[in-house]
PDB file of N, CA and C in Angstrom:
ATOM      1  N   MET A   1     149.415 138.428 194.816  1.00  0.00           N
ATOM      2  CA  MET A   1     148.337 137.719 194.984  1.00  0.00           C
ATOM      3  C   MET A   1     147.008 138.587 194.499  1.00  0.00           C
ATOM      4  N   GLU A   2     147.067 139.924 194.641  1.00  0.00           N
ATOM      5  CA  GLU A   2     145.999 140.654 194.336  1.00  0.00           C
ATOM      6  C   GLU A   2     145.483 140.445 193.028  1.00  0.00           C
ATOM      7  N   SER A   3     146.551 140.493 192.254  1.00  0.00           N
ATOM      8  CA  SER A   3     146.093 140.447 190.587  1.00  0.00           C
ATOM      9  C   SER A   3     145.413 139.208 190.070  1.00  0.00           C
ATOM     10  N   THR A   4     146.036 138.087 190.834  1.00  0.00           N
ATOM     11  CA  THR A   4     145.197 136.882 190.732  1.00  0.00           C
ATOM     12  C   THR A   4     143.705 136.844 191.095  1.00  0.00           C
ATOM     13  N   ASN A   5     143.629 137.534 192.216  1.00  0.00           N
ATOM     14  CA  ASN A   5     142.277 137.584 192.747  1.00  0.00           C
ATOM     15  C   ASN A   5     141.597 138.592 191.552  1.00  0.00           C
ATOM     16  N   ARG A   6     141.955 139.633 191.257  1.00  0.00           N
ATOM     17  CA  ARG A   6     141.313 140.381 190.128  1.00  0.00           C
ATOM     18  C   ARG A   6     140.982 139.791 189.029  1.00  0.00           C
ATOM     19  N   VAL A   7     141.901 138.827 188.652  1.00  0.00           N
ATOM     20  CA  VAL A   7     141.555 138.365 187.279  1.00  0.00           C
ATOM     21  C   VAL A   7     140.531 137.243 187.757  1.00  0.00           C
ATOM     22  N   ALA A   8     140.497 136.503 188.614  1.00  0.00           N
ATOM     23  CA  ALA A   8     139.310 135.691 189.077  1.00  0.00           C
ATOM     24  C   ALA A   8     137.941 136.401 189.116  1.00  0.00           C
ATOM     25  N   GLU A   9     137.956 137.538 189.644  1.00  0.00           N
ATOM     26  CA  GLU A   9     136.789 138.437 189.641  1.00  0.00           C
ATOM     27  C   GLU A   9     136.242 138.820 188.362  1.00  0.00           C
ATOM     28  N   ILE A  10     137.112 139.124 187.365  1.00  0.00           N
ATOM     29  CA  ILE A  10     136.875 139.383 186.100  1.00  0.00           C
ATOM     30  C   ILE A  10     136.263 138.408 185.313  1.00  0.00           C
ATOM     31  N   GLY A  11     136.675 137.174 185.516  1.00  0.00           N
ATOM     32  CA  GLY A  11     136.404 136.058 184.843  1.00  0.00           C
ATOM     33  C   GLY A  11     135.033 135.624 185.367  1.00  0.00           C
ATOM     34  N   GLN A  12     134.729 135.665 186.828  1.00  0.00           N
ATOM     35  CA  GLN A  12     133.326 135.555 187.247  1.00  0.00           C
ATOM     36  C   GLN A  12     132.434 136.554 186.625  1.00  0.00           C
ATOM     37  N   PHE A  13     132.690 137.861 186.648  1.00  0.00           N
ATOM     38  CA  PHE A  13     131.959 138.692 185.991  1.00  0.00           C
ATOM     39  C   PHE A  13     131.317 138.468 184.545  1.00  0.00           C
ATOM     40  N   LEU A  14     132.169 138.158 183.647  1.00  0.00           N
ATOM     41  CA  LEU A  14     132.139 137.923 182.317  1.00  0.00           C
ATOM     42  C   LEU A  14     131.147 136.680 182.040  1.00  0.00           C
ATOM     43  N   ALA A  15     131.661 135.620 183.059  1.00  0.00           N
ATOM     44  CA  ALA A  15     130.677 134.526 182.883  1.00  0.00           C
ATOM     45  C   ALA A  15     129.351 134.719 183.414  1.00  0.00           C
ATOM     46  N   SER A  16     129.063 135.572 184.355  1.00  0.00           N
ATOM     47  CA  SER A  16     127.743 135.538 184.631  1.00  0.00           C
ATOM     48  C   SER A  16     126.962 136.396 183.705  1.00  0.00           C
ATOM     49  N   ARG A  17     127.636 137.316 183.296  1.00  0.00           N
ATOM     50  CA  ARG A  17     126.946 138.249 181.856  1.00  0.00           C
ATOM     51  C   ARG A  17     126.829 137.552 180.921  1.00  0.00           C
ATOM     52  N   ARG A  18     127.532 136.678 180.126  1.00  0.00           N
ATOM     53  CA  ARG A  18     127.467 135.608 179.193  1.00  0.00           C
ATOM     54  C   ARG A  18     126.158 134.599 179.749  1.00  0.00           C
ATOM     55  N   ALA A  19     126.094 134.194 180.776  1.00  0.00           N
ATOM     56  CA  ALA A  19     124.903 133.357 181.124  1.00  0.00           C
ATOM     57  C   ALA A  19     123.693 134.110 181.053  1.00  0.00           C
ATOM     58  N   LYS A  20     123.574 135.339 181.082  1.00  0.00           N
ATOM     59  CA  LYS A  20     122.244 136.117 180.921  1.00  0.00           C
ATOM     60  C   LYS A  20     121.792 136.252 179.648  1.00  0.00           C
ATOM     61  N   ILE A  21     122.504 135.982 178.662  1.00  0.00           N
ATOM     62  CA  ILE A  21     122.226 136.334 177.360  1.00  0.00           C
ATOM     63  C   ILE A  21     121.863 134.852 176.487  1.00  0.00           C
ATOM     64  N   ALA A  22     120.896 134.766 175.979  1.00  0.00           N
ATOM     65  CA  ALA A  22     120.725 133.583 175.036  1.00  0.00           C
ATOM     66  C   ALA A  22     121.125 133.805 173.535  1.00  0.00           C
ATOM     67  N   PRO A  23     121.541 133.187 172.730  1.00  0.00           N
ATOM     68  CA  PRO A  23     121.998 133.469 171.598  1.00  0.00           C
ATOM     69  C   PRO A  23     120.700 133.987 170.489  1.00  0.00           C
ATOM     70  N   GLU A  24     119.618 133.483 170.789  1.00  0.00           N
ATOM     71  CA  GLU A  24     118.596 133.846 170.221  1.00  0.00           C
ATOM     72  C   GLU A  24     118.013 135.542 170.440  1.00  0.00           C
ATOM     73  N   HIS A  25     118.561 135.895 171.570  1.00  0.00           N
ATOM     74  CA  HIS A  25     118.452 137.262 172.009  1.00  0.00           C
ATOM     75  C   HIS A  25     119.092 138.263 171.178  1.00  0.00           C
ATOM     76  N   VAL A  26     120.254 137.745 170.806  1.00  0.00           N
ATOM     77  CA  VAL A  26     121.017 138.698 170.065  1.00  0.00           C
ATOM     78  C   VAL A  26     121.135 138.502 168.490  1.00  0.00           C
ATOM     79  N   GLY A  27     120.342 137.691 167.928  1.00  0.00           N
ATOM     80  CA  GLY A  27     120.385 137.397 166.568  1.00  0.00           C
ATOM     81  C   GLY A  27     121.275 136.315 165.827  1.00  0.00           C
ATOM     82  N   LEU A  28     121.809 135.555 167.022  1.00  0.00           N
ATOM     83  CA  LEU A  28     122.849 134.432 166.403  1.00  0.00           C
ATOM     84  C   LEU A  28     121.842 133.075 166.336  1.00  0.00           C
ATOM     85  N   PRO A  29     122.441 132.414 165.303  1.00  0.00           N
ATOM     86  CA  PRO A  29     121.634 130.933 165.152  1.00  0.00           C
ATOM     87  C   PRO A  29     121.799 130.165 166.386  1.00  0.00           C
ATOM     88  N   VAL A  30     120.607 129.352 166.629  1.00  0.00           N
ATOM     89  CA  VAL A  30     120.560 128.484 167.639  1.00  0.00           C
ATOM     90  C   VAL A  30     120.704 127.310 167.154  1.00  0.00           C
ATOM     91  N   TYR A  31     121.706 126.443 167.498  1.00  0.00           N
ATOM     92  CA  TYR A  31     121.929 125.061 167.468  1.00  0.00           C
ATOM     93  C   TYR A  31     121.392 124.130 168.434  1.00  0.00           C
ATOM     94  N   ASP A  32     121.826 122.953 168.593  1.00  0.00           N
ATOM     95  CA  ASP A  32     121.328 122.123 169.581  1.00  0.00           C
ATOM     96  C   ASP A  32     121.622 122.570 171.044  1.00  0.00           C
ATOM     97  N   ALA A  33     120.599 123.059 171.789  1.00  0.00           N
ATOM     98  CA  ALA A  33     120.840 123.854 173.037  1.00  0.00           C
ATOM     99  C   ALA A  33     121.182 122.585 174.117  1.00  0.00           C
ATOM    100  N   ALA A  34     121.215 121.313 173.721  1.00  0.00           N
ATOM    101  CA  ALA A  34     121.455 120.230 174.691  1.00  0.00           C
ATOM    102  C   ALA A  34     122.734 119.995 174.659  1.00  0.00           C
ATOM    103  N   LYS A  35     123.586 120.531 173.534  1.00  0.00           N
ATOM    104  CA  LYS A  35     124.886 120.360 173.648  1.00  0.00           C
ATOM    105  C   LYS A  35     125.693 121.412 174.325  1.00  0.00           C
ATOM    106  N   ARG A  36     125.336 122.664 174.810  1.00  0.00           N
ATOM    107  CA  ARG A  36     125.649 123.565 175.303  1.00  0.00           C
ATOM    108  C   ARG A  36     125.913 122.912 177.038  1.00  0.00           C
ATOM    109  N   ARG A  37     127.207 123.299 177.479  1.00  0.00           N
ATOM    110  CA  ARG A  37     127.253 122.891 178.866  1.00  0.00           C
ATOM    111  C   ARG A  37     126.997 123.902 179.797  1.00  0.00           C
ATOM    112  N   VAL A  38     126.889 124.958 179.450  1.00  0.00           N
ATOM    113  CA  VAL A  38     126.461 126.280 180.386  1.00  0.00           C
ATOM    114  C   VAL A  38     125.339 127.104 179.752  1.00  0.00           C
ATOM    115  N   PRO A  39     124.453 127.766 180.314  1.00  0.00           N
ATOM    116  CA  PRO A  39     123.495 128.451 179.659  1.00  0.00           C
ATOM    117  C   PRO A  39     124.157 129.609 179.295  1.00  0.00           C
ATOM    118  N   GLY A  40     123.766 130.573 178.276  1.00  0.00           N
ATOM    119  CA  GLY A  40     124.161 131.817 177.673  1.00  0.00           C
ATOM    120  C   GLY A  40     124.992 131.627 176.615  1.00  0.00           C
ATOM    121  N   LEU A  41     125.836 132.671 176.151  1.00  0.00           N
ATOM    122  CA  LEU A  41     126.715 132.708 174.971  1.00  0.00           C
ATOM    123  C   LEU A  41     127.990 132.220 175.339  1.00  0.00           C
ATOM    124  N   ARG A  42     128.648 131.716 174.355  1.00  0.00           N
ATOM    125  CA  ARG A  42     129.802 131.095 174.372  1.00  0.00           C
ATOM    126  C   ARG A  42     130.924 132.299 174.119  1.00  0.00           C
ATOM    127  N   ARG A  43     132.220 132.225 174.612  1.00  0.00           N
ATOM    128  CA  ARG A  43     132.843 133.172 174.378  1.00  0.00           C
ATOM    129  C   ARG A  43     133.296 133.654 172.967  1.00  0.00           C
ATOM    130  N   GLN A  44     133.131 132.811 172.088  1.00  0.00           N
ATOM    131  CA  GLN A  44     133.568 133.062 170.641  1.00  0.00           C
ATOM    132  C   GLN A  44     132.156 134.010 170.099  1.00  0.00           C
ATOM    133  N   GLU A  45     131.044 133.577 170.726  1.00  0.00           N
ATOM    134  CA  GLU A  45     129.638 134.520 170.315  1.00  0.00           C
ATOM    135  C   GLU A  45     129.915 135.869 170.878  1.00  0.00           C
ATOM    136  N   VAL A  46     130.623 135.941 172.077  1.00  0.00           N
ATOM    137  CA  VAL A  46     130.607 137.356 172.584  1.00  0.00           C
ATOM    138  C   VAL A  46     131.712 138.140 171.745  1.00  0.00           C
ATOM    139  N   ALA A  47     132.625 137.537 171.441  1.00  0.00           N
ATOM    140  CA  ALA A  47     133.836 138.124 170.747  1.00  0.00           C
ATOM    141  C   ALA A  47     133.177 138.919 169.263  1.00  0.00           C
TER     142      ALA A  47
END
């Protein structure tokens, strides 16, 4: 069970970091912001 908890912690950490960075802050094109479900970068943009 500890590994499941660890995976959840890592997921929460990554999501919180992505939410703090906007696409325009890192030179990515900004599309319609209204289409984003959550603030910050998408997983593809981080990769």
